[in-house]
Amino acid sequence: MKRVLIVSAVALMCSMSIPTSVSAVNIISETSLVQEDVKYEELKAEELPKAVRTALAESYSDYALLKSFIGNEGSYKIILSSSEGDIAVYYNVKGEFVKQEDLAV
C-alpha cells in the first residue's frame, strides 16, 4: 500500500514538473483603409449651409473667406485667410467640423 501511495505521489510530482507550453498566436488582422479622392467644385459662400456659415462666424471670425468648395461626397472645404496665414477647414455633410489644415504660403 505504501508503494502505491509513493508511486502515485511521484507520478503526480512528475506531471506537475513537466512544463506545459501554451502557444499563443497573435492574430493580426489587416485593415486596409481606402481613401477615395474627393473632388471639389467651387461654391459661392452664400450657398454654404447655415450650420457651416454659423460655425465659421463663431470659430474663425478673425479670418476672411477666400474660397469655398463642395466635395463630390457632400463635404465642404473652405479656404480662409488671416494675417497669420491661410488655412483650409473641412466640414462634413451635416455641417460639423472635421479638420483644419495650414496652407503653405
Protein backbone atom coordinates (compact mmCIF):
# COMPACT_ATOMS: atom_id res chain seq x y z
CA MET A 1 0.00 0.00 0.00
CA LYS A 2 2.87 2.28 0.83
CA ARG A 3 4.38 1.58 -2.56
CA VAL A 4 1.19 2.51 -4.41
CA LEU A 5 0.98 5.74 -2.46
CA ILE A 6 4.64 6.59 -3.16
CA VAL A 7 4.29 5.75 -6.86
CA SER A 8 1.17 7.89 -7.08
CA ALA A 9 2.91 10.80 -5.37
CA VAL A 10 5.94 10.51 -7.69
CA ALA A 11 3.68 10.36 -10.75
CA LEU A 12 1.79 13.41 -9.56
CA MET A 13 5.00 15.36 -8.94
CA CYS A 14 6.38 14.41 -12.36
CA SER A 15 3.24 15.55 -14.10
CA MET A 16 3.47 18.92 -12.37
CA SER A 17 7.13 19.43 -13.16
CA ILE A 18 6.80 18.89 -16.90
CA PRO A 19 6.34 22.33 -18.38
CA THR A 20 3.20 22.69 -20.33
CA SER A 21 3.59 25.03 -23.17
CA VAL A 22 0.74 27.00 -24.50
CA SER A 23 1.48 28.62 -27.75
CA ALA A 24 -0.13 31.98 -28.06
CA VAL A 25 -0.69 33.09 -31.57
CA ASN A 26 -1.01 36.76 -32.28
CA ILE A 27 -3.70 37.27 -34.79
CA ILE A 28 -3.14 40.40 -36.75
CA SER A 29 -5.98 41.46 -38.88
CA GLU A 30 -5.02 43.75 -41.64
CA THR A 31 -7.39 46.57 -42.17
CA SER A 32 -6.86 48.47 -45.29
CA LEU A 33 -8.36 51.88 -45.46
CA VAL A 34 -9.25 53.02 -48.89
CA GLN A 35 -9.48 56.73 -49.08
CA GLU A 36 -11.45 57.92 -52.00
CA ASP A 37 -10.12 61.04 -53.65
CA VAL A 38 -12.62 63.78 -53.08
CA LYS A 39 -13.14 66.12 -55.98
CA TYR A 40 -14.16 69.64 -55.04
CA GLU A 41 -16.11 72.17 -57.07
CA GLU A 42 -16.11 75.85 -56.20
CA LEU A 43 -19.19 77.06 -54.38
CA LYS A 44 -20.40 80.57 -53.62
CA ALA A 45 -20.08 81.47 -49.94
CA GLU A 46 -23.81 82.19 -49.68
CA GLU A 47 -24.51 78.64 -50.89
CA LEU A 48 -22.81 77.11 -47.84
CA PRO A 49 -25.25 75.53 -45.37
CA LYS A 50 -26.31 77.74 -42.48
CA ALA A 51 -24.64 75.40 -39.96
CA VAL A 52 -21.29 75.82 -41.72
CA ARG A 53 -21.65 79.61 -42.02
CA THR A 54 -22.56 79.88 -38.33
CA ALA A 55 -19.60 77.70 -37.29
CA LEU A 56 -17.24 79.80 -39.43
CA ALA A 57 -18.55 83.03 -37.90
CA GLU A 58 -18.09 81.66 -34.36
CA SER A 59 -14.75 79.89 -34.74
CA TYR A 60 -12.99 81.87 -37.45
CA SER A 61 -14.18 85.45 -37.01
CA ASP A 62 -10.60 86.74 -37.46
CA TYR A 63 -10.36 85.13 -40.90
CA ALA A 64 -11.57 86.25 -44.31
CA LEU A 65 -13.26 83.68 -46.52
CA LEU A 66 -11.30 83.34 -49.77
CA LYS A 67 -13.00 80.37 -51.45
CA SER A 68 -15.46 77.65 -50.63
CA PHE A 69 -15.90 74.25 -52.23
CA ILE A 70 -18.27 71.30 -52.10
CA GLY A 71 -16.92 67.77 -52.42
CA ASN A 72 -18.45 65.06 -54.57
CA GLU A 73 -19.43 63.22 -51.37
CA GLY A 74 -21.08 66.32 -49.84
CA SER A 75 -18.28 67.65 -47.62
CA TYR A 76 -17.23 71.29 -47.58
CA LYS A 77 -13.75 72.79 -47.88
CA ILE A 78 -13.33 76.45 -47.03
CA ILE A 79 -10.14 78.45 -47.61
CA LEU A 80 -9.68 81.20 -45.03
CA SER A 81 -7.04 83.88 -44.72
CA SER A 82 -5.69 85.96 -41.85
CA SER A 83 -2.54 87.89 -41.03
CA GLU A 84 -1.12 84.62 -39.66
CA GLY A 85 -1.59 82.78 -42.97
CA ASP A 86 -4.10 80.76 -44.94
CA ILE A 87 -5.90 77.67 -43.70
CA ALA A 88 -8.33 75.15 -45.12
CA VAL A 89 -11.17 73.99 -42.89
CA TYR A 90 -13.35 71.00 -43.64
CA TYR A 91 -16.94 70.28 -42.64
CA ASN A 92 -18.95 67.12 -43.22
CA VAL A 93 -22.31 66.74 -44.93
CA LYS A 94 -24.11 67.63 -41.67
CA GLY A 95 -22.10 70.84 -41.34
CA GLU A 96 -19.96 69.52 -38.47
CA PHE A 97 -16.27 70.46 -38.21
CA VAL A 98 -13.89 67.75 -39.46
CA LYS A 99 -10.37 69.19 -39.56
CA GLN A 100 -8.16 72.20 -40.21
CA GLU A 101 -5.02 72.33 -42.36
CA ASP A 102 -2.40 75.05 -42.60
CA LEU A 103 -1.72 76.01 -46.19
CA ALA A 104 1.82 76.79 -47.30
CA VAL A 105 2.22 80.33 -48.46
